């Protein structure tokens, strides 16, 4: 578990270091402040659009998985209902057979039947 913690810390440090380096590069670039602000604005709009697109894709995938899970659950419920009906009929037939056997035994022995 400690390896995962170390890797997570490394990954966070790597991302933070990369972002810090990008900000420092933008601030010390040989551009005017206005050009740098325009560049930052354009990049932030681009990142926002990418994030929105990724979120839409993730939502679409989640909806597809949910629909598939719902379909599988419906199919499974149908199979369970069919099997329960089969078992019910089987138990009823066995019960009828047992009742008839009891009645026949009572009839043969001369006992009154129910």
PDB file of N, CA and C in Angstrom:
ATOM      1  N   UNK A   1       0.829  -1.179   0.000  1.00  0.00           N
ATOM      2  CA  UNK A   1       0.000   0.000   0.000  1.00  0.00           C
ATOM      3  C   UNK A   1       0.874   1.242   0.000  1.00  0.00           C
ATOM      4  N   UNK A   2       2.043   1.174   0.597  1.00  0.00           N
ATOM      5  CA  UNK A   2       2.950   2.296   0.658  1.00  0.00           C
ATOM      6  C   UNK A   2       3.467   2.654  -0.728  1.00  0.00           C
ATOM      7  N   UNK A   3       3.623   1.660  -1.615  1.00  0.00           N
ATOM      8  CA  UNK A   3       4.057   1.938  -2.984  1.00  0.00           C
ATOM      9  C   UNK A   3       3.034   2.798  -3.708  1.00  0.00           C
ATOM     10  N   UNK A   4       1.754   2.505  -3.473  1.00  0.00           N
ATOM     11  CA  UNK A   4       0.702   3.309  -4.104  1.00  0.00           C
ATOM     12  C   UNK A   4       0.747   4.741  -3.599  1.00  0.00           C
ATOM     13  N   UNK A   5       0.947   4.915  -2.290  1.00  0.00           N
ATOM     14  CA  UNK A   5       1.034   6.258  -1.718  1.00  0.00           C
ATOM     15  C   UNK A   5       2.213   7.025  -2.302  1.00  0.00           C
ATOM     16  N   UNK A   6       3.346   6.343  -2.437  1.00  0.00           N
ATOM     17  CA  UNK A   6       4.525   6.991  -2.997  1.00  0.00           C
ATOM     18  C   UNK A   6       4.300   7.360  -4.460  1.00  0.00           C
ATOM     19  N   UNK A   7       3.657   6.475  -5.211  1.00  0.00           N
ATOM     20  CA  UNK A   7       3.392   6.770  -6.614  1.00  0.00           C
ATOM     21  C   UNK A   7       2.396   7.921  -6.738  1.00  0.00           C
ATOM     22  N   UNK A   8       1.367   7.923  -5.889  1.00  0.00           N
ATOM     23  CA  UNK A   8       0.392   9.009  -5.899  1.00  0.00           C
ATOM     24  C   UNK A   8       1.053  10.341  -5.595  1.00  0.00           C
ATOM     25  N   UNK A   9       1.945  10.352  -4.613  1.00  0.00           N
ATOM     26  CA  UNK A   9       2.660  11.577  -4.265  1.00  0.00           C
ATOM     27  C   UNK A   9       3.554  12.023  -5.418  1.00  0.00           C
ATOM     28  N   UNK A  10       4.220  11.067  -6.058  1.00  0.00           N
ATOM     29  CA  UNK A  10       5.056  11.386  -7.214  1.00  0.00           C
ATOM     30  C   UNK A  10       4.224  11.990  -8.331  1.00  0.00           C
ATOM     31  N   UNK A  11       3.052  11.363  -8.601  1.00  0.00           N
ATOM     32  CA  UNK A  11       2.193  11.835  -9.677  1.00  0.00           C
ATOM     33  C   UNK A  11       1.688  13.248  -9.402  1.00  0.00           C
ATOM     34  N   UNK A  12       1.263  13.506  -8.179  1.00  0.00           N
ATOM     35  CA  UNK A  12       0.798  14.845  -7.810  1.00  0.00           C
ATOM     36  C   UNK A  12       1.940  15.849  -7.964  1.00  0.00           C
ATOM     37  N   UNK A  13       3.118  15.496  -7.498  1.00  0.00           N
ATOM     38  CA  UNK A  13       4.267  16.390  -7.634  1.00  0.00           C
ATOM     39  C   UNK A  13       4.618  16.654  -9.081  1.00  0.00           C
ATOM     40  N   UNK A  14       4.507  15.623  -9.899  1.00  0.00           N
ATOM     41  CA  UNK A  14       4.800  15.771 -11.323  1.00  0.00           C
ATOM     42  C   UNK A  14       3.824  16.741 -11.984  1.00  0.00           C
ATOM     43  N   UNK A  15       2.531  16.573 -11.692  1.00  0.00           N
ATOM     44  CA  UNK A  15       1.510  17.449 -12.283  1.00  0.00           C
ATOM     45  C   UNK A  15       1.686  18.882 -11.787  1.00  0.00           C
ATOM     46  N   UNK A  16       1.857  19.060 -10.488  1.00  0.00           N
ATOM     47  CA  UNK A  16       2.033  20.404  -9.934  1.00  0.00           C
ATOM     48  C   UNK A  16       3.294  21.050 -10.507  1.00  0.00           C
ATOM     49  N   UNK A  17       4.357  20.291 -10.617  1.00  0.00           N
ATOM     50  CA  UNK A  17       5.596  20.828 -11.198  1.00  0.00           C
ATOM     51  C   UNK A  17       5.407  21.233 -12.649  1.00  0.00           C
ATOM     52  N   UNK A  18       4.681  20.419 -13.397  1.00  0.00           N
ATOM     53  CA  UNK A  18       4.428  20.763 -14.801  1.00  0.00           C
ATOM     54  C   UNK A  18       3.612  22.035 -14.940  1.00  0.00           C
ATOM     55  N   UNK A  19       2.564  22.151 -14.114  1.00  0.00           N
ATOM     56  CA  UNK A  19       1.748  23.371 -14.158  1.00  0.00           C
ATOM     57  C   UNK A  19       2.549  24.594 -13.730  1.00  0.00           C
ATOM     58  N   UNK A  20       3.362  24.448 -12.707  1.00  0.00           N
ATOM     59  CA  UNK A  20       4.205  25.556 -12.250  1.00  0.00           C
ATOM     60  C   UNK A  20       5.179  25.976 -13.343  1.00  0.00           C
ATOM     61  N   UNK A  21       5.771  25.000 -13.992  1.00  0.00           N
ATOM     62  CA  UNK A  21       6.692  25.312 -15.092  1.00  0.00           C
ATOM     63  C   UNK A  21       5.994  26.028 -16.232  1.00  0.00           C
ATOM     64  N   UNK A  22       4.763  25.621 -16.544  1.00  0.00           N
ATOM     65  CA  UNK A  22       4.026  26.283 -17.620  1.00  0.00           C
ATOM     66  C   UNK A  22       3.717  27.727 -17.256  1.00  0.00           C
ATOM     67  N   UNK A  23       3.311  27.972 -16.010  1.00  0.00           N
ATOM     68  CA  UNK A  23       3.008  29.338 -15.571  1.00  0.00           C
ATOM     69  C   UNK A  23       4.269  30.198 -15.598  1.00  0.00           C
ATOM     70  N   UNK A  24       5.363  29.670 -15.119  1.00  0.00           N
ATOM     71  CA  UNK A  24       6.625  30.431 -15.113  1.00  0.00           C
ATOM     72  C   UNK A  24       7.060  30.732 -16.543  1.00  0.00           C
ATOM     73  N   UNK A  25       6.905  29.763 -17.439  1.00  0.00           N
ATOM     74  CA  UNK A  25       7.289  29.983 -18.837  1.00  0.00           C
ATOM     75  C   UNK A  25       6.436  31.083 -19.456  1.00  0.00           C
ATOM     76  N   UNK A  26       5.150  31.093 -19.140  1.00  0.00           N
ATOM     77  CA  UNK A  26       4.284  32.150 -19.683  1.00  0.00           C
ATOM     78  C   UNK A  26       4.663  33.520 -19.118  1.00  0.00           C
ATOM     79  N   UNK A  27       4.980  33.564 -17.830  1.00  0.00           N
ATOM     80  CA  UNK A  27       5.294  34.849 -17.201  1.00  0.00           C
ATOM     81  C   UNK A  27       6.638  35.419 -17.672  1.00  0.00           C
ATOM     82  N   UNK A  28       7.579  34.557 -17.971  1.00  0.00           N
ATOM     83  CA  UNK A  28       8.896  35.035 -18.390  1.00  0.00           C
ATOM     84  C   UNK A  28       9.088  34.992 -19.904  1.00  0.00           C
ATOM     85  N   UNK A  29       8.020  34.745 -20.638  1.00  0.00           N
ATOM     86  CA  UNK A  29       8.124  34.699 -22.098  1.00  0.00           C
ATOM     87  C   UNK A  29       8.402  36.093 -22.638  1.00  0.00           C
ATOM     88  N   UNK A  30       9.113  36.153 -23.754  1.00  0.00           N
ATOM     89  CA  UNK A  30       9.427  37.475 -24.333  1.00  0.00           C
ATOM     90  C   UNK A  30       8.227  38.042 -25.097  1.00  0.00           C
ATOM     91  N   UNK A  31       7.090  38.118 -24.427  1.00  0.00           N
ATOM     92  CA  UNK A  31       5.887  38.692 -25.027  1.00  0.00           C
ATOM     93  C   UNK A  31       5.406  39.811 -24.125  1.00  0.00           C
ATOM     94  N   UNK A  32       4.569  40.637 -24.694  1.00  0.00           N
ATOM     95  CA  UNK A  32       3.996  41.703 -23.875  1.00  0.00           C
ATOM     96  C   UNK A  32       2.961  41.097 -22.942  1.00  0.00           C
ATOM     97  N   UNK A  33       2.605  41.835 -21.919  1.00  0.00           N
ATOM     98  CA  UNK A  33       1.600  41.363 -20.971  1.00  0.00           C
ATOM     99  C   UNK A  33       0.274  41.110 -21.656  1.00  0.00           C
ATOM    100  N   UNK A  34      -0.061  41.941 -22.611  1.00  0.00           N
ATOM    101  CA  UNK A  34      -1.339  41.803 -23.331  1.00  0.00           C
ATOM    102  C   UNK A  34      -1.347  40.504 -24.143  1.00  0.00           C
ATOM    103  N   UNK A  35      -0.236  40.217 -24.810  1.00  0.00           N
ATOM    104  CA  UNK A  35      -0.150  38.974 -25.587  1.00  0.00           C
ATOM    105  C   UNK A  35      -0.211  37.760 -24.666  1.00  0.00           C
ATOM    106  N   UNK A  36       0.464  37.844 -23.531  1.00  0.00           N
ATOM    107  CA  UNK A  36       0.464  36.743 -22.578  1.00  0.00           C
ATOM    108  C   UNK A  36      -0.943  36.517 -22.028  1.00  0.00           C
ATOM    109  N   UNK A  37      -1.643  37.583 -21.688  1.00  0.00           N
ATOM    110  CA  UNK A  37      -3.019  37.446 -21.194  1.00  0.00           C
ATOM    111  C   UNK A  37      -3.920  36.840 -22.265  1.00  0.00           C
ATOM    112  N   UNK A  38      -3.744  37.268 -23.507  1.00  0.00           N
ATOM    113  CA  UNK A  38      -4.548  36.714 -24.599  1.00  0.00           C
ATOM    114  C   UNK A  38      -4.246  35.218 -24.765  1.00  0.00           C
ATOM    115  N   UNK A  39      -2.964  34.870 -24.661  1.00  0.00           N
ATOM    116  CA  UNK A  39      -2.579  33.462 -24.773  1.00  0.00           C
ATOM    117  C   UNK A  39      -3.176  32.634 -23.630  1.00  0.00           C
ATOM    118  N   UNK A  40      -3.104  33.172 -22.411  1.00  0.00           N
ATOM    119  CA  UNK A  40      -3.685  32.477 -21.257  1.00  0.00           C
ATOM    120  C   UNK A  40      -5.191  32.330 -21.433  1.00  0.00           C
ATOM    121  N   UNK A  41      -5.840  33.379 -21.915  1.00  0.00           N
ATOM    122  CA  UNK A  41      -7.288  33.334 -22.126  1.00  0.00           C
ATOM    123  C   UNK A  41      -7.636  32.261 -23.161  1.00  0.00           C
ATOM    124  N   UNK A  42      -6.899  32.256 -24.278  1.00  0.00           N
ATOM    125  CA  UNK A  42      -7.165  31.262 -25.327  1.00  0.00           C
ATOM    126  C   UNK A  42      -6.958  29.838 -24.817  1.00  0.00           C
ATOM    127  N   UNK A  43      -5.869  29.639 -24.079  1.00  0.00           N
ATOM    128  CA  UNK A  43      -5.594  28.299 -23.546  1.00  0.00           C
ATOM    129  C   UNK A  43      -6.651  27.880 -22.526  1.00  0.00           C
ATOM    130  N   UNK A  44      -7.104  28.812 -21.702  1.00  0.00           N
ATOM    131  CA  UNK A  44      -8.112  28.467 -20.704  1.00  0.00           C
ATOM    132  C   UNK A  44      -9.435  28.123 -21.385  1.00  0.00           C
ATOM    133  N   UNK A  45      -9.785  28.821 -22.453  1.00  0.00           N
ATOM    134  CA  UNK A  45     -11.002  28.501 -23.207  1.00  0.00           C
ATOM    135  C   UNK A  45     -10.862  27.121 -23.842  1.00  0.00           C
ATOM    136  N   UNK A  46      -9.686  26.859 -24.397  1.00  0.00           N
ATOM    137  CA  UNK A  46      -9.444  25.550 -25.011  1.00  0.00           C
ATOM    138  C   UNK A  46      -9.545  24.425 -23.974  1.00  0.00           C
ATOM    139  N   UNK A  47      -8.944  24.629 -22.809  1.00  0.00           N
ATOM    140  CA  UNK A  47      -9.013  23.621 -21.752  1.00  0.00           C
ATOM    141  C   UNK A  47     -10.444  23.432 -21.259  1.00  0.00           C
ATOM    142  N   UNK A  48     -11.194  24.530 -21.130  1.00  0.00           N
ATOM    143  CA  UNK A  48     -12.592  24.445 -20.704  1.00  0.00           C
ATOM    144  C   UNK A  48     -13.409  23.628 -21.696  1.00  0.00           C
ATOM    145  N   UNK A  49     -13.198  23.897 -22.993  1.00  0.00           N
ATOM    146  CA  UNK A  49     -13.923  23.152 -24.023  1.00  0.00           C
ATOM    147  C   UNK A  49     -13.555  21.668 -24.007  1.00  0.00           C
ATOM    148  N   UNK A  50     -12.261  21.384 -23.822  1.00  0.00           N
ATOM    149  CA  UNK A  50     -11.830  19.989 -23.735  1.00  0.00           C
ATOM    150  C   UNK A  50     -12.462  19.301 -22.526  1.00  0.00           C
ATOM    151  N   UNK A  51     -12.505  20.002 -21.409  1.00  0.00           N
ATOM    152  CA  UNK A  51     -13.099  19.422 -20.197  1.00  0.00           C
ATOM    153  C   UNK A  51     -14.592  19.168 -20.411  1.00  0.00           C
ATOM    154  N   UNK A  52     -15.284  20.105 -21.054  1.00  0.00           N
ATOM    155  CA  UNK A  52     -16.716  19.925 -21.321  1.00  0.00           C
ATOM    156  C   UNK A  52     -16.941  18.739 -22.259  1.00  0.00           C
ATOM    157  N   UNK A  53     -16.095  18.638 -23.277  1.00  0.00           N
ATOM    158  CA  UNK A  53     -16.216  17.529 -24.232  1.00  0.00           C
ATOM    159  C   UNK A  53     -15.966  16.188 -23.536  1.00  0.00           C
ATOM    160  N   UNK A  54     -14.932  16.138 -22.708  1.00  0.00           N
ATOM    161  CA  UNK A  54     -14.615  14.910 -21.975  1.00  0.00           C
ATOM    162  C   UNK A  54     -15.746  14.546 -21.023  1.00  0.00           C
ATOM    163  N   UNK A  55     -16.321  15.538 -20.360  1.00  0.00           N
ATOM    164  CA  UNK A  55     -17.438  15.279 -19.446  1.00  0.00           C
ATOM    165  C   UNK A  55     -18.646  14.747 -20.214  1.00  0.00           C
ATOM    166  N   UNK A  56     -18.916  15.310 -21.385  1.00  0.00           N
ATOM    167  CA  UNK A  56     -20.039  14.831 -22.204  1.00  0.00           C
ATOM    168  C   UNK A  56     -19.813  13.386 -22.642  1.00  0.00           C
ATOM    169  N   UNK A  57     -18.586  13.072 -23.044  1.00  0.00           N
ATOM    170  CA  UNK A  57     -18.267  11.693 -23.444  1.00  0.00           C
ATOM    171  C   UNK A  57     -18.431  10.735 -22.270  1.00  0.00           C
ATOM    172  N   UNK A  58     -17.946  11.143 -21.094  1.00  0.00           N
ATOM    173  CA  UNK A  58     -18.064  10.291 -19.910  1.00  0.00           C
ATOM    174  C   UNK A  58     -19.538  10.080 -19.552  1.00  0.00           C
ATOM    175  N   UNK A  59     -20.335  11.119 -19.658  1.00  0.00           N
ATOM    176  CA  UNK A  59     -21.762  11.007 -19.365  1.00  0.00           C
ATOM    177  C   UNK A  59     -22.442  10.071 -20.359  1.00  0.00           C
ATOM    178  N   UNK A  60     -22.096  10.202 -21.621  1.00  0.00           N
ATOM    179  CA  UNK A  60     -22.685   9.326 -22.640  1.00  0.00           C
ATOM    180  C   UNK A  60     -22.304   7.871 -22.386  1.00  0.00           C
ATOM    181  N   UNK A  61     -21.045   7.633 -22.032  1.00  0.00           N
ATOM    182  CA  UNK A  61     -20.613   6.262 -21.727  1.00  0.00           C
ATOM    183  C   UNK A  61     -21.322   5.729 -20.492  1.00  0.00           C
ATOM    184  N   UNK A  62     -21.475   6.565 -19.477  1.00  0.00           N
ATOM    185  CA  UNK A  62     -22.159   6.142 -18.254  1.00  0.00           C
ATOM    186  C   UNK A  62     -23.628   5.811 -18.547  1.00  0.00           C
ATOM    187  N   UNK A  63     -24.268   6.629 -19.383  1.00  0.00           N
ATOM    188  CA  UNK A  63     -25.660   6.354 -19.737  1.00  0.00           C
ATOM    189  C   UNK A  63     -25.774   5.049 -20.523  1.00  0.00           C
ATOM    190  N   UNK A  64     -24.831   4.806 -21.412  1.00  0.00           N
ATOM    191  CA  UNK A  64     -24.853   3.561 -22.188  1.00  0.00           C
ATOM    192  C   UNK A  64     -24.662   2.354 -21.281  1.00  0.00           C
ATOM    193  N   UNK A  65     -23.737   2.460 -20.341  1.00  0.00           N
ATOM    194  CA  UNK A  65     -23.507   1.353 -19.408  1.00  0.00           C
ATOM    195  C   UNK A  65     -24.736   1.142 -18.536  1.00  0.00           C
ATOM    196  N   UNK A  66     -25.361   2.227 -18.086  1.00  0.00           N
ATOM    197  CA  UNK A  66     -26.564   2.105 -17.263  1.00  0.00           C
ATOM    198  C   UNK A  66     -27.699   1.464 -18.052  1.00  0.00           C
ATOM    199  N   UNK A  67     -27.855   1.847 -19.317  1.00  0.00           N
ATOM    200  CA  UNK A  67     -28.905   1.255 -20.147  1.00  0.00           C
ATOM    201  C   UNK A  67     -28.651  -0.234 -20.356  1.00  0.00           C
ATOM    202  N   UNK A  68     -27.405  -0.598 -20.576  1.00  0.00           N
ATOM    203  CA  UNK A  68     -27.065  -2.012 -20.761  1.00  0.00           C
ATOM    204  C   UNK A  68     -27.310  -2.795 -19.472  1.00  0.00           C
ATOM    205  N   UNK A  69     -26.942  -2.211 -18.345  1.00  0.00           N
ATOM    206  CA  UNK A  69     -27.174  -2.878 -17.054  1.00  0.00           C
ATOM    207  C   UNK A  69     -28.667  -3.040 -16.802  1.00  0.00           C
ATOM    208  N   UNK A  70     -29.454  -2.012 -17.140  1.00  0.00           N
ATOM    209  CA  UNK A  70     -30.904  -2.081 -16.974  1.00  0.00           C
ATOM    210  C   UNK A  70     -31.482  -3.187 -17.846  1.00  0.00           C
ATOM    211  N   UNK A  71     -31.001  -3.282 -19.084  1.00  0.00           N
ATOM    212  CA  UNK A  71     -31.475  -4.320 -19.999  1.00  0.00           C
ATOM    213  C   UNK A  71     -31.120  -5.707 -19.463  1.00  0.00           C
ATOM    214  N   UNK A  72     -29.918  -5.872 -18.991  1.00  0.00           N
ATOM    215  CA  UNK A  72     -29.501  -7.168 -18.432  1.00  0.00           C
ATOM    216  C   UNK A  72     -30.332  -7.518 -17.198  1.00  0.00           C
ATOM    217  N   UNK A  73     -30.604  -6.525 -16.368  1.00  0.00           N
ATOM    218  CA  UNK A  73     -31.419  -6.772 -15.171  1.00  0.00           C
ATOM    219  C   UNK A  73     -32.832  -7.183 -15.567  1.00  0.00           C
ATOM    220  N   UNK A  74     -33.396  -6.524 -16.586  1.00  0.00           N
ATOM    221  CA  UNK A  74     -34.730  -6.894 -17.062  1.00  0.00           C
ATOM    222  C   UNK A  74     -34.746  -8.313 -17.608  1.00  0.00           C
ATOM    223  N   UNK A  75     -33.722  -8.668 -18.369  1.00  0.00           N
ATOM    224  CA  UNK A  75     -33.637 -10.026 -18.919  1.00  0.00           C
ATOM    225  C   UNK A  75     -33.505 -11.057 -17.795  1.00  0.00           C
ATOM    226  N   UNK A  76     -32.682 -10.743 -16.808  1.00  0.00           N
ATOM    227  CA  UNK A  76     -32.501 -11.652 -15.684  1.00  0.00           C
ATOM    228  C   UNK A  76     -33.798 -11.800 -14.896  1.00  0.00           C
ATOM    229  N   UNK A  77     -34.513 -10.698 -14.691  1.00  0.00           N
ATOM    230  CA  UNK A  77     -35.789 -10.757 -13.978  1.00  0.00           C
ATOM    231  C   UNK A  77     -36.785 -11.620 -14.753  1.00  0.00           C
ATOM    232  N   UNK A  78     -36.780 -11.496 -16.057  1.00  0.00           N
ATOM    233  CA  UNK A  78     -37.688 -12.308 -16.885  1.00  0.00           C
ATOM    234  C   UNK A  78     -37.353 -13.787 -16.729  1.00  0.00           C
ATOM    235  N   UNK A  79     -36.068 -14.121 -16.779  1.00  0.00           N
ATOM    236  CA  UNK A  79     -35.651 -15.515 -16.630  1.00  0.00           C
ATOM    237  C   UNK A  79     -36.048 -16.039 -15.251  1.00  0.00           C
ATOM    238  N   UNK A  80     -35.859 -15.230 -14.222  1.00  0.00           N
ATOM    239  CA  UNK A  80     -36.204 -15.642 -12.862  1.00  0.00           C
ATOM    240  C   UNK A  80     -37.714 -15.861 -12.744  1.00  0.00           C
ATOM    241  N   UNK A  81     -38.515 -14.957 -13.324  1.00  0.00           N
ATOM    242  CA  UNK A  81     -39.978 -15.136 -13.285  1.00  0.00           C
ATOM    243  C   UNK A  81     -40.382 -16.418 -13.993  1.00  0.00           C
ATOM    244  N   UNK A  82     -39.803 -16.667 -15.162  1.00  0.00           N
ATOM    245  CA  UNK A  82     -40.137 -17.886 -15.901  1.00  0.00           C
ATOM    246  C   UNK A  82     -39.766 -19.125 -15.099  1.00  0.00           C
ATOM    247  N   UNK A  83     -38.585 -19.103 -14.497  1.00  0.00           N
ATOM    248  CA  UNK A  83     -38.141 -20.259 -13.712  1.00  0.00           C
ATOM    249  C   UNK A  83     -39.034 -20.442 -12.483  1.00  0.00           C
ATOM    250  N   UNK A  84     -39.424 -19.350 -11.844  1.00  0.00           N
ATOM    251  CA  UNK A  84     -40.312 -19.437 -10.680  1.00  0.00           C
ATOM    252  C   UNK A  84     -41.659 -20.025 -11.081  1.00  0.00           C
ATOM    253  N   UNK A  85     -42.171 -19.636 -12.249  1.00  0.00           N
ATOM    254  CA  UNK A  85     -43.434 -20.191 -12.737  1.00  0.00           C
ATOM    255  C   UNK A  85     -43.290 -21.684 -12.994  1.00  0.00           C
ATOM    256  N   UNK A  86     -42.194 -22.074 -13.603  1.00  0.00           N
ATOM    257  CA  UNK A  86     -41.947 -23.500 -13.857  1.00  0.00           C
ATOM    258  C   UNK A  86     -41.892 -24.280 -12.547  1.00  0.00           C
ATOM    259  N   UNK A  87     -41.184 -23.764 -11.579  1.00  0.00           N
ATOM    260  CA  UNK A  87     -41.063 -24.447 -10.289  1.00  0.00           C
ATOM    261  C   UNK A  87     -42.420 -24.523  -9.603  1.00  0.00           C
ATOM    262  N   UNK A  88     -43.207 -23.452  -9.682  1.00  0.00           N
ATOM    263  CA  UNK A  88     -44.536 -23.444  -9.077  1.00  0.00           C
ATOM    264  C   UNK A  88     -45.410 -24.526  -9.688  1.00  0.00           C
ATOM    265  N   UNK A  89     -45.410 -24.611 -11.007  1.00  0.00           N
ATOM    266  CA  UNK A  89     -46.206 -25.637 -11.675  1.00  0.00           C
ATOM    267  C   UNK A  89     -45.713 -27.042 -11.313  1.00  0.00           C
ATOM    268  N   UNK A  90     -44.396 -27.187 -11.241  1.00  0.00           N
ATOM    269  CA  UNK A  90     -43.827 -28.485 -10.890  1.00  0.00           C
ATOM    270  C   UNK A  90     -44.239 -28.891  -9.481  1.00  0.00           C
ATOM    271  N   UNK A  91     -44.181 -27.948  -8.540  1.00  0.00           N
ATOM    272  CA  UNK A  91     -44.571 -28.234  -7.162  1.00  0.00           C
ATOM    273  C   UNK A  91     -46.063 -28.555  -7.091  1.00  0.00           C
ATOM    274  N   UNK A  92     -46.872 -27.822  -7.847  1.00  0.00           N
ATOM    275  CA  UNK A  92     -48.314 -28.096  -7.859  1.00  0.00           C
ATOM    276  C   UNK A  92     -48.591 -29.502  -8.383  1.00  0.00           C
ATOM    277  N   UNK A  93     -47.909 -29.889  -9.445  1.00  0.00           N
ATOM    278  CA  UNK A  93     -48.115 -31.231 -10.004  1.00  0.00           C
ATOM    279  C   UNK A  93     -47.681 -32.308  -9.012  1.00  0.00           C
ATOM    280  N   UNK A  94     -46.571 -32.092  -8.359  1.00  0.00           N
ATOM    281  CA  UNK A  94     -46.113 -33.059  -7.357  1.00  0.00           C
ATOM    282  C   UNK A  94     -47.104 -33.133  -6.199  1.00  0.00           C
ATOM    283  N   UNK A  95     -47.608 -31.967  -5.787  1.00  0.00           N
ATOM    284  CA  UNK A  95     -48.599 -31.934  -4.706  1.00  0.00           C
ATOM    285  C   UNK A  95     -49.865 -32.685  -5.096  1.00  0.00           C
ATOM    286  N   UNK A  96     -50.333 -32.491  -6.327  1.00  0.00           N
ATOM    287  CA  UNK A  96     -51.522 -33.211  -6.803  1.00  0.00           C
ATOM    288  C   UNK A  96     -51.266 -34.710  -6.810  1.00  0.00           C
ATOM    289  N   UNK A  97     -50.081 -35.091  -7.268  1.00  0.00           N
ATOM    290  CA  UNK A  97     -49.730 -36.512  -7.292  1.00  0.00           C
ATOM    291  C   UNK A  97     -49.691 -37.091  -5.886  1.00  0.00           C
ATOM    292  N   UNK A  98     -49.115 -36.355  -4.956  1.00  0.00           N
ATOM    293  CA  UNK A  98     -49.035 -36.829  -3.575  1.00  0.00           C
ATOM    294  C   UNK A  98     -50.428 -36.927  -2.963  1.00  0.00           C
ATOM    295  N   UNK A  99     -51.284 -35.935  -3.240  1.00  0.00           N
ATOM    296  CA  UNK A  99     -52.653 -35.946  -2.725  1.00  0.00           C
ATOM    297  C   UNK A  99     -53.429 -37.139  -3.276  1.00  0.00           C
ATOM    298  N   UNK A 100     -53.281 -37.378  -4.556  1.00  0.00           N
ATOM    299  CA  UNK A 100     -53.962 -38.526  -5.165  1.00  0.00           C
ATOM    300  C   UNK A 100     -53.450 -39.832  -4.570  1.00  0.00           C
ATOM    301  N   UNK A 101     -52.152 -39.919  -4.305  1.00  0.00           N
ATOM    302  CA  UNK A 101     -51.590 -41.127  -3.702  1.00  0.00           C
ATOM    303  C   UNK A 101     -52.150 -41.332  -2.300  1.00  0.00           C
ATOM    304  N   UNK A 102     -52.275 -40.234  -1.538  1.00  0.00           N
ATOM    305  CA  UNK A 102     -52.826 -40.334  -0.183  1.00  0.00           C
ATOM    306  C   UNK A 102     -54.285 -40.756  -0.257  1.00  0.00           C
ATOM    307  N   UNK A 103     -55.045 -40.156  -1.155  1.00  0.00           N
ATOM    308  CA  UNK A 103     -56.463 -40.516  -1.305  1.00  0.00           C
ATOM    309  C   UNK A 103     -56.610 -41.979  -1.722  1.00  0.00           C
ATOM    310  N   UNK A 104     -55.751 -42.414  -2.624  1.00  0.00           N
ATOM    311  CA  UNK A 104     -55.819 -43.810  -3.077  1.00  0.00           C
ATOM    312  C   UNK A 104     -55.493 -44.749  -1.924  1.00  0.00           C
ATOM    313  N   UNK A 105     -54.479 -44.379  -1.140  1.00  0.00           N
ATOM    314  CA  UNK A 105     -54.100 -45.217  -0.006  1.00  0.00           C
ATOM    315  C   UNK A 105     -55.241 -45.290   1.007  1.00  0.00           C
ATOM    316  N   UNK A 106     -55.887 -44.154   1.286  1.00  0.00           N
ATOM    317  CA  UNK A 106     -56.999 -44.133   2.232  1.00  0.00           C
ATOM    318  C   UNK A 106     -58.180 -44.925   1.684  1.00  0.00           C
ATOM    319  N   UNK A 107     -58.423 -44.790   0.380  1.00  0.00           N
ATOM    320  CA  UNK A 107     -59.538 -45.492  -0.252  1.00  0.00           C
ATOM    321  C   UNK A 107     -59.310 -47.006  -0.177  1.00  0.00           C
ATOM    322  N   UNK A 108     -58.068 -47.415  -0.451  1.00  0.00           N
ATOM    323  CA  UNK A 108     -57.732 -48.837  -0.418  1.00  0.00           C
ATOM    324  C   UNK A 108     -57.818 -49.398   0.999  1.00  0.00           C
ATOM    325  N   UNK A 109     -57.520 -48.548   1.984  1.00  0.00           N
ATOM    326  CA  UNK A 109     -57.546 -49.021   3.365  1.00  0.00           C
ATOM    327  C   UNK A 109     -58.935 -48.883   3.976  1.00  0.00           C
ATOM    328  N   UNK A 110     -59.841 -48.214   3.278  1.00  0.00           N
ATOM    329  CA  UNK A 110     -61.208 -48.065   3.761  1.00  0.00           C
ATOM    330  C   UNK A 110     -61.397 -46.899   4.677  1.00  0.00           C
ATOM    331  N   UNK A 111     -60.425 -46.038   4.828  1.00  0.00           N
ATOM    332  CA  UNK A 111     -60.560 -44.846   5.678  1.00  0.00           C
ATOM    333  C   UNK A 111     -61.330 -43.777   4.916  1.00  0.00           C
ATOM    334  N   UNK A 112     -62.094 -42.930   5.631  1.00  0.00           N
ATOM    335  CA  UNK A 112     -62.820 -41.852   4.934  1.00  0.00           C
ATOM    336  C   UNK A 112     -61.854 -40.848   4.332  1.00  0.00           C
ATOM    337  N   UNK A 113     -62.187 -40.336   3.127  1.00  0.00           N
ATOM    338  CA  UNK A 113     -61.315 -39.365   2.425  1.00  0.00           C
ATOM    339  C   UNK A 113     -61.774 -37.961   2.747  1.00  0.00           C
ATOM    340  N   UNK A 114     -60.884 -37.060   2.604  1.00  0.00           N
ATOM    341  CA  UNK A 114     -61.175 -35.666   2.918  1.00  0.00           C
ATOM    342  C   UNK A 114     -61.962 -34.985   1.835  1.00  0.00           C
TER     343      UNK A 114
END
